[in-house]
Every structure is written in C-alpha cells, then in structure tokens.
C-alpha atoms as a PDB file:
ATOM      1  CA  MET A   1      30.942  49.841 236.390  1.00  0.00           C
ATOM      2  CA  THR A   2      31.565  53.167 238.043  1.00  0.00           C
ATOM      3  CA  TYR A   3      28.218  54.700 238.963  1.00  0.00           C
ATOM      4  CA  GLY A   4      27.890  58.385 238.142  1.00  0.00           C
ATOM      5  CA  ALA A   5      30.977  58.494 235.937  1.00  0.00           C
ATOM      6  CA  SER A   6      30.505  59.601 232.345  1.00  0.00           C
ATOM      7  CA  GLU A   7      32.188  61.580 229.590  1.00  0.00           C
ATOM      8  CA  MET A   8      31.182  64.771 231.406  1.00  0.00           C
ATOM      9  CA  ASN A   9      31.772  63.376 234.936  1.00  0.00           C
ATOM     10  CA  THR A  10      35.189  61.732 234.881  1.00  0.00           C
ATOM     11  CA  ILE A  11      37.210  60.576 237.872  1.00  0.00           C
ATOM     12  CA  ALA A  12      40.661  62.169 237.898  1.00  0.00           C
ATOM     13  CA  PHE A  13      43.853  61.419 239.793  1.00  0.00           C
ATOM     14  CA  GLN A  14      46.491  64.020 239.054  1.00  0.00           C
ATOM     15  CA  SER A  15      49.264  66.131 240.468  1.00  0.00           C
ATOM     16  CA  GLU A  16      47.970  69.483 241.662  1.00  0.00           C
ATOM     17  CA  SER A  17      51.282  71.141 240.762  1.00  0.00           C
ATOM     18  CA  GLY A  18      51.533  69.489 237.338  1.00  0.00           C
ATOM     19  CA  ASP A  19      54.854  67.872 238.330  1.00  0.00           C
ATOM     20  CA  SER A  20      54.750  64.092 237.761  1.00  0.00           C
ATOM     21  CA  THR A  21      57.484  63.577 240.381  1.00  0.00           C
ATOM     22  CA  ALA A  22      55.476  65.363 243.090  1.00  0.00           C
ATOM     23  CA  VAL A  23      52.828  62.611 243.384  1.00  0.00           C
ATOM     24  CA  ILE A  24      53.765  58.935 243.658  1.00  0.00           C
ATOM     25  CA  LEU A  25      51.156  56.170 243.686  1.00  0.00           C
ATOM     26  CA  GLN A  26      52.978  53.019 244.813  1.00  0.00           C
ATOM     27  CA  PHE A  27      52.129  49.509 246.022  1.00  0.00           C
ATOM     28  CA  ASN A  28      54.262  46.607 247.221  1.00  0.00           C
ATOM     29  CA  SER A  29      52.513  43.441 246.077  1.00  0.00           C
ATOM     30  CA  THR A  30      53.626  40.153 247.590  1.00  0.00           C
ATOM     31  CA  ILE A  31      50.895  37.868 246.229  1.00  0.00           C
ATOM     32  CA  SER A  32      49.834  36.931 242.706  1.00  0.00           C
ATOM     33  CA  THR A  33      46.153  37.829 243.216  1.00  0.00           C
ATOM     34  CA  ALA A  34      47.027  41.488 243.857  1.00  0.00           C
ATOM     35  CA  ASN A  35      49.841  41.873 241.338  1.00  0.00           C
ATOM     36  CA  TYR A  36      49.278  45.502 240.302  1.00  0.00           C
ATOM     37  CA  VAL A  37      49.431  49.075 241.508  1.00  0.00           C
ATOM     38  CA  VAL A  38      46.356  50.233 239.553  1.00  0.00           C
ATOM     39  CA  ARG A  39      43.719  47.813 238.306  1.00  0.00           C
ATOM     40  CA  LEU A  40      40.679  48.952 236.374  1.00  0.00           C
ATOM     41  CA  ALA A  41      38.260  46.058 235.973  1.00  0.00           C
ATOM     42  CA  GLY A  42      35.158  47.142 234.110  1.00  0.00           C
ATOM     43  CA  ALA A  43      35.885  50.723 235.140  1.00  0.00           C
ATOM     44  CA  ASP A  44      35.294  53.596 232.728  1.00  0.00           C
ATOM     45  CA  TRP A  45      36.045  57.312 232.622  1.00  0.00           C
ATOM     46  CA  PHE A  46      39.154  57.376 234.855  1.00  0.00           C
ATOM     47  CA  ARG A  47      41.942  59.901 234.233  1.00  0.00           C
ATOM     48  CA  PHE A  48      45.494  59.507 235.544  1.00  0.00           C
ATOM     49  CA  ARG A  49      47.613  62.569 234.761  1.00  0.00           C
ATOM     50  CA  LYS A  50      50.979  64.079 235.684  1.00  0.00           C
ATOM     51  CA  MET A  51      51.977  61.606 238.400  1.00  0.00           C
ATOM     52  CA  THR A  52      54.263  58.642 239.029  1.00  0.00           C
ATOM     53  CA  ILE A  53      52.789  55.146 239.268  1.00  0.00           C
ATOM     54  CA  SER A  54      55.355  52.671 240.519  1.00  0.00           C
ATOM     55  CA  THR A  55      55.687  49.194 241.965  1.00  0.00           C
ATOM     56  CA  ALA A  56      57.606  49.051 245.226  1.00  0.00           C
ATOM     57  CA  ASN A  57      58.518  45.422 244.575  1.00  0.00           C
ATOM     58  CA  TYR A  58      61.342  45.507 242.029  1.00  0.00           C
ATOM     59  CA  SER A  59      62.951  42.226 243.045  1.00  0.00           C
ATOM     60  CA  SER A  60      60.087  39.761 242.607  1.00  0.00           C
ATOM     61  CA  SER A  61      57.701  38.611 239.911  1.00  0.00           C
ATOM     62  CA  TYR A  62      54.889  40.744 241.375  1.00  0.00           C
ATOM     63  CA  GLY A  63      55.602  43.976 239.565  1.00  0.00           C
ATOM     64  CA  THR A  64      52.662  44.846 237.308  1.00  0.00           C
ATOM     65  CA  VAL A  65      52.033  48.575 237.406  1.00  0.00           C
ATOM     66  CA  ILE A  66      48.779  49.023 235.437  1.00  0.00           C
ATOM     67  CA  ASP A  67      46.257  46.257 234.734  1.00  0.00           C
ATOM     68  CA  LEU A  68      43.214  46.925 232.526  1.00  0.00           C
ATOM     69  CA  ALA A  69      40.579  44.192 232.592  1.00  0.00           C
ATOM     70  CA  ALA A  70      36.938  43.356 231.969  1.00  0.00           C
ATOM     71  CA  TYR A  71      36.141  45.854 229.223  1.00  0.00           C
ATOM     72  CA  SER A  72      37.520  48.955 230.893  1.00  0.00           C
ATOM     73  CA  GLU A  73      36.957  51.732 228.382  1.00  0.00           C
ATOM     74  CA  ASP A  74      37.429  55.482 227.930  1.00  0.00           C
ATOM     75  CA  ASN A  75      40.269  55.716 230.454  1.00  0.00           C
ATOM     76  CA  ILE A  76      43.192  58.083 229.917  1.00  0.00           C
ATOM     77  CA  PHE A  77      46.765  57.756 231.173  1.00  0.00           C
ATOM     78  CA  GLU A  78      48.828  60.790 230.205  1.00  0.00           C
ATOM     79  CA  ASN A  79      52.070  62.486 231.178  1.00  0.00           C
ATOM     80  CA  LEU A  80      52.905  59.709 233.662  1.00  0.00           C
ATOM     81  CA  ARG A  81      56.136  58.254 234.929  1.00  0.00           C
ATOM     82  CA  VAL A  82      55.571  54.486 235.110  1.00  0.00           C
ATOM     83  CA  SER A  83      58.084  52.129 236.693  1.00  0.00           C
END
C-alpha cells in the first residue's frame, strides 16, 4: 500500500522534456531475489511515462524489467522504451 496515493494523488516518474531517451532508469541485478528494475508489490497509483526502463544485465538470467505483484492496481506505464 502506498499511503497518500489515490486517483487524484498519483506518484509519477517521467521525463521532464518528454523525450523517453533523456531519462534512463536502469539496474544491474546479480541475484534472483532482486531480479527486476521496477517492482510494484501491492503498490497503486504509480505512473511511469516517457522514459527508458532497462536492465543493465543483458548476459544473465536476471533481466526482468518490470514486475507487478501482490495486487498492484491502477498503475500506468505509457510511452516507455523497455529493454
């Protein structure tokens, strides 16, 4: 649960310029228990817009980019570059 977040009070991560290549959210996972760049577990009302979300670990089995778990609802991912 994200306290204070609601339909009217969302939590946004987005490129200020509107260019999805200008902002890169990246993580290099090396263990199975943290195998993601973004994980929303029971989190609601998040917005990810106009950015790149990318794993830095292309050569291993730990390359999950977005993981939604535990009834995460009302989240929006739009105009992203995902790799």
